[in-house]
Amino acid sequence: MPVIEISSLSHPGVEIFCTLTEAQLRNRIEPDKGIFIVESPKVIERALDAGYEPLAILCEHKHIIGDASDIIERCGNVPVYTGSRELLATLTGYVLTRGVLCAMRRPAVRSMAEVCRGARRIVVIDGVVDTTNIGAIFRSAAALGIDAVLLTRNSCDPLNRRAVRVSMGTVFLIPWTWLDGSLSDLGKLGFRTAAMA
């Protein structure tokens, strides 16, 4: 675990935490190089438990031997960028929740058939563009024992930093993918509509 002290916002390697937009992080041109940002120790632990690959950590000094110590140990040889609370807040634009962020590699997008295979109950998120709502829907789906989530392409990305945080990491626990096609395609997979909101 190389710990790298940063003293300015232009330090090489920290741009993934501050200067890249969500669209740049997703990397639509080369999806296999896409990344996303996870915030807070509990949520990062859920992502690691689900097998997501860490790429870099941004952490306040005190959390290296505090709240983030287990995460840092689990992440092996990824760089850990650290600095004062004030500098990191300036860098990211907000005070870090529990003092730690982790950049992770985006997984390959799964097919609808793969996500729905073996599922009895699924949630379809259609045109929800608020990241907080996406996170709340995933958290509710997990609480209700839903087997899978499908999202229309005009919905927010479930791996958006805020959606992940609001979901409390449940976005890593429920299989999900994008709904390519129409809702009628779900009938071909054996599903019927039980409720709409």
Protein backbone atom coordinates (compact mmCIF):
# COMPACT_ATOMS: atom_id res chain seq x y z
CA MET A 1 0.00 0.00 0.00
CA PRO A 2 1.93 3.04 -1.20
CA VAL A 3 0.74 6.07 0.82
CA ILE A 4 1.16 9.24 -1.24
CA GLU A 5 0.99 12.59 0.52
CA ILE A 6 -0.58 15.27 -1.66
CA SER A 7 -0.15 18.97 -1.08
CA SER A 8 -1.95 20.40 -4.10
CA LEU A 9 -5.01 19.74 -6.24
CA SER A 10 -2.87 19.07 -9.29
CA HIS A 11 -1.06 16.03 -7.91
CA PRO A 12 -0.91 13.27 -10.58
CA GLY A 13 -3.38 10.45 -9.93
CA VAL A 14 -6.02 12.38 -7.97
CA GLU A 15 -7.85 13.66 -11.06
CA ILE A 16 -10.19 10.66 -10.97
CA PHE A 17 -11.55 11.99 -7.67
CA CYS A 18 -12.06 15.60 -8.72
CA THR A 19 -11.76 16.64 -12.36
CA LEU A 20 -13.47 13.85 -14.30
CA THR A 21 -17.21 14.10 -14.90
CA GLU A 22 -19.52 11.11 -14.37
CA ALA A 23 -19.62 10.60 -18.15
CA GLN A 24 -15.80 10.60 -18.31
CA LEU A 25 -15.63 8.14 -15.42
CA ARG A 26 -18.06 5.80 -17.23
CA ASN A 27 -15.86 6.04 -20.36
CA ARG A 28 -18.49 5.28 -22.99
CA ILE A 29 -15.84 5.03 -25.72
CA GLU A 30 -13.94 2.28 -23.89
CA PRO A 31 -16.36 0.83 -21.30
CA ASP A 32 -13.83 -1.75 -20.10
CA LYS A 33 -11.73 1.19 -18.82
CA GLY A 34 -14.63 2.82 -16.95
CA ILE A 35 -14.43 3.54 -13.25
CA PHE A 36 -16.75 4.71 -10.48
CA ILE A 37 -16.26 6.28 -7.06
CA VAL A 38 -17.44 4.72 -3.79
CA GLU A 39 -17.75 6.76 -0.60
CA SER A 40 -17.58 5.71 3.08
CA PRO A 41 -15.97 2.63 4.67
CA LYS A 42 -19.14 0.52 4.99
CA VAL A 43 -20.10 1.00 1.33
CA ILE A 44 -16.53 0.38 0.13
CA GLU A 45 -16.47 -2.85 2.15
CA ARG A 46 -19.70 -4.01 0.46
CA ALA A 47 -18.18 -3.32 -2.96
CA LEU A 48 -15.04 -5.28 -2.04
CA ASP A 49 -17.16 -8.14 -0.66
CA ALA A 50 -19.00 -8.24 -4.00
CA GLY A 51 -15.69 -8.57 -5.87
CA TYR A 52 -15.28 -5.08 -7.32
CA GLU A 53 -11.69 -4.15 -8.16
CA PRO A 54 -10.18 -1.13 -6.32
CA LEU A 55 -7.90 1.20 -8.27
CA ALA A 56 -7.03 4.03 -5.84
CA ILE A 57 -8.03 5.39 -2.44
CA LEU A 58 -8.35 8.99 -1.28
CA CYS A 59 -8.25 9.23 2.49
CA GLU A 60 -7.83 11.74 5.29
CA HIS A 61 -4.66 11.27 7.37
CA LYS A 62 -6.43 10.13 10.51
CA HIS A 63 -8.45 7.45 8.73
CA ILE A 64 -5.39 5.58 7.39
CA ILE A 65 -5.01 4.00 10.82
CA GLY A 66 -8.69 4.54 11.72
CA ASP A 67 -11.92 3.88 9.79
CA ALA A 68 -10.15 3.04 6.52
CA SER A 69 -7.40 0.78 7.85
CA ASP A 70 -9.19 -2.51 7.07
CA ILE A 71 -10.12 -1.29 3.59
CA ILE A 72 -6.55 -0.22 2.85
CA GLU A 73 -5.29 -3.61 3.98
CA ARG A 74 -7.83 -5.43 1.78
CA CYS A 75 -6.96 -3.31 -1.26
CA GLY A 76 -3.37 -4.50 -1.30
CA ASN A 77 -1.04 -2.49 -3.46
CA VAL A 78 -3.37 0.27 -4.73
CA PRO A 79 -2.17 3.84 -4.17
CA VAL A 80 -3.57 5.64 -1.13
CA TYR A 81 -3.61 9.42 -1.64
CA THR A 82 -3.82 11.38 1.59
CA GLY A 83 -3.89 14.95 2.76
CA SER A 84 -5.56 17.24 5.24
CA ARG A 85 -9.35 17.27 5.60
CA GLU A 86 -9.44 20.83 4.23
CA LEU A 87 -7.33 20.01 1.16
CA LEU A 88 -9.39 16.92 0.35
CA ALA A 89 -12.65 18.89 0.73
CA THR A 90 -11.27 21.48 -1.70
CA LEU A 91 -10.20 18.71 -4.07
CA THR A 92 -13.54 16.88 -4.15
CA GLY A 93 -15.86 19.81 -3.52
CA TYR A 94 -17.35 18.24 -0.36
CA VAL A 95 -16.25 16.89 3.03
CA LEU A 96 -15.61 13.17 2.63
CA THR A 97 -18.09 10.88 4.37
CA ARG A 98 -16.07 9.10 7.08
CA GLY A 99 -12.95 10.45 5.36
CA VAL A 100 -12.46 7.97 2.50
CA LEU A 101 -13.21 7.50 -1.21
CA CYS A 102 -12.27 4.52 -3.38
CA ALA A 103 -12.06 4.48 -7.19
CA MET A 104 -13.10 1.10 -8.61
CA ARG A 105 -13.19 -0.56 -11.99
CA ARG A 106 -16.62 -0.81 -13.61
CA PRO A 107 -17.76 -4.38 -14.18
CA ALA A 108 -18.74 -5.67 -17.61
CA VAL A 109 -22.41 -4.99 -18.30
CA ARG A 110 -24.49 -8.14 -17.88
CA SER A 111 -27.18 -9.24 -20.29
CA MET A 112 -30.84 -8.97 -19.34
CA ALA A 113 -31.26 -12.74 -19.69
CA GLU A 114 -28.33 -13.36 -17.32
CA VAL A 115 -29.62 -10.98 -14.66
CA CYS A 116 -33.18 -12.34 -14.86
CA ARG A 117 -32.20 -16.03 -14.94
CA GLY A 118 -33.52 -17.64 -11.77
CA ALA A 119 -35.17 -14.41 -10.59
CA ARG A 120 -38.75 -14.57 -9.33
CA ARG A 121 -39.28 -10.87 -8.65
CA ILE A 122 -37.62 -7.97 -10.43
CA VAL A 123 -37.89 -4.20 -10.25
CA VAL A 124 -37.90 -2.11 -13.42
CA ILE A 125 -36.67 1.46 -13.00
CA ASP A 126 -38.07 3.46 -15.90
CA GLY A 127 -36.84 6.99 -16.54
CA VAL A 128 -35.73 7.81 -12.97
CA VAL A 129 -33.18 10.61 -13.32
CA ASP A 130 -32.51 11.49 -9.68
CA THR A 131 -29.50 9.69 -8.21
CA THR A 132 -30.92 9.82 -4.69
CA ASN A 133 -34.09 8.06 -5.87
CA ILE A 134 -32.04 5.38 -7.64
CA GLY A 135 -30.16 4.67 -4.42
CA ALA A 136 -33.38 4.59 -2.37
CA ILE A 137 -35.02 2.19 -4.83
CA PHE A 138 -32.06 -0.22 -4.62
CA ARG A 139 -32.09 -0.03 -0.82
CA SER A 140 -35.84 -0.74 -0.76
CA ALA A 141 -35.46 -3.58 -3.28
CA ALA A 142 -32.81 -5.19 -1.08
CA ALA A 143 -35.04 -4.86 2.00
CA LEU A 144 -37.94 -6.50 0.11
CA GLY A 145 -35.83 -9.39 -1.15
CA ILE A 146 -36.08 -8.44 -4.83
CA ASP A 147 -33.97 -10.72 -7.06
CA ALA A 148 -32.90 -8.29 -9.81
CA VAL A 149 -33.20 -4.71 -11.05
CA LEU A 150 -33.49 -3.54 -14.66
CA LEU A 151 -33.08 0.12 -15.62
CA THR A 152 -34.13 1.87 -18.81
CA ARG A 153 -31.30 3.74 -20.53
CA ASN A 154 -32.91 7.09 -19.67
CA SER A 155 -32.44 6.39 -15.95
CA CYS A 156 -29.49 7.48 -13.82
CA ASP A 157 -26.44 5.29 -13.51
CA PRO A 158 -26.67 3.12 -10.35
CA LEU A 159 -22.87 3.40 -9.96
CA ASN A 160 -23.06 7.18 -9.63
CA ARG A 161 -21.29 8.13 -6.36
CA ARG A 162 -24.42 9.57 -4.75
CA ALA A 163 -26.67 6.68 -5.85
CA VAL A 164 -24.18 4.17 -4.43
CA ARG A 165 -23.96 6.05 -1.12
CA VAL A 166 -27.75 6.43 -0.73
CA SER A 167 -28.18 2.73 -1.56
CA MET A 168 -25.81 1.94 1.35
CA GLY A 169 -23.99 -0.39 -1.04
CA THR A 170 -27.05 -2.50 -1.88
CA VAL A 171 -26.38 -1.71 -5.54
CA PHE A 172 -23.55 -4.25 -5.14
CA LEU A 173 -25.82 -6.90 -3.64
CA ILE A 174 -28.66 -7.07 -6.20
CA PRO A 175 -27.93 -8.15 -9.80
CA TRP A 176 -28.83 -5.32 -12.20
CA THR A 177 -28.42 -4.27 -15.80
CA TRP A 178 -29.85 -1.98 -18.46
CA LEU A 179 -33.18 -2.87 -20.05
CA ASP A 180 -32.51 -3.02 -23.77
CA GLY A 181 -35.79 -3.37 -25.58
CA SER A 182 -39.25 -2.87 -24.13
CA LEU A 183 -41.14 -3.97 -21.06
CA SER A 184 -43.02 -6.45 -23.26
CA ASP A 185 -39.72 -8.36 -23.63
CA LEU A 186 -40.03 -9.29 -19.96
CA GLY A 187 -43.16 -11.28 -20.80
CA LYS A 188 -41.03 -13.45 -23.07
CA LEU A 189 -38.84 -14.22 -20.06
CA GLY A 190 -41.91 -15.34 -18.10
CA PHE A 191 -42.54 -12.20 -16.03
CA ARG A 192 -45.85 -10.43 -15.55
CA THR A 193 -46.49 -6.98 -14.16
CA ALA A 194 -47.62 -7.06 -10.52
CA ALA A 195 -47.46 -3.34 -9.70
CA MET A 196 -46.66 -0.01 -11.28
CA ALA A 197 -45.98 3.36 -9.70
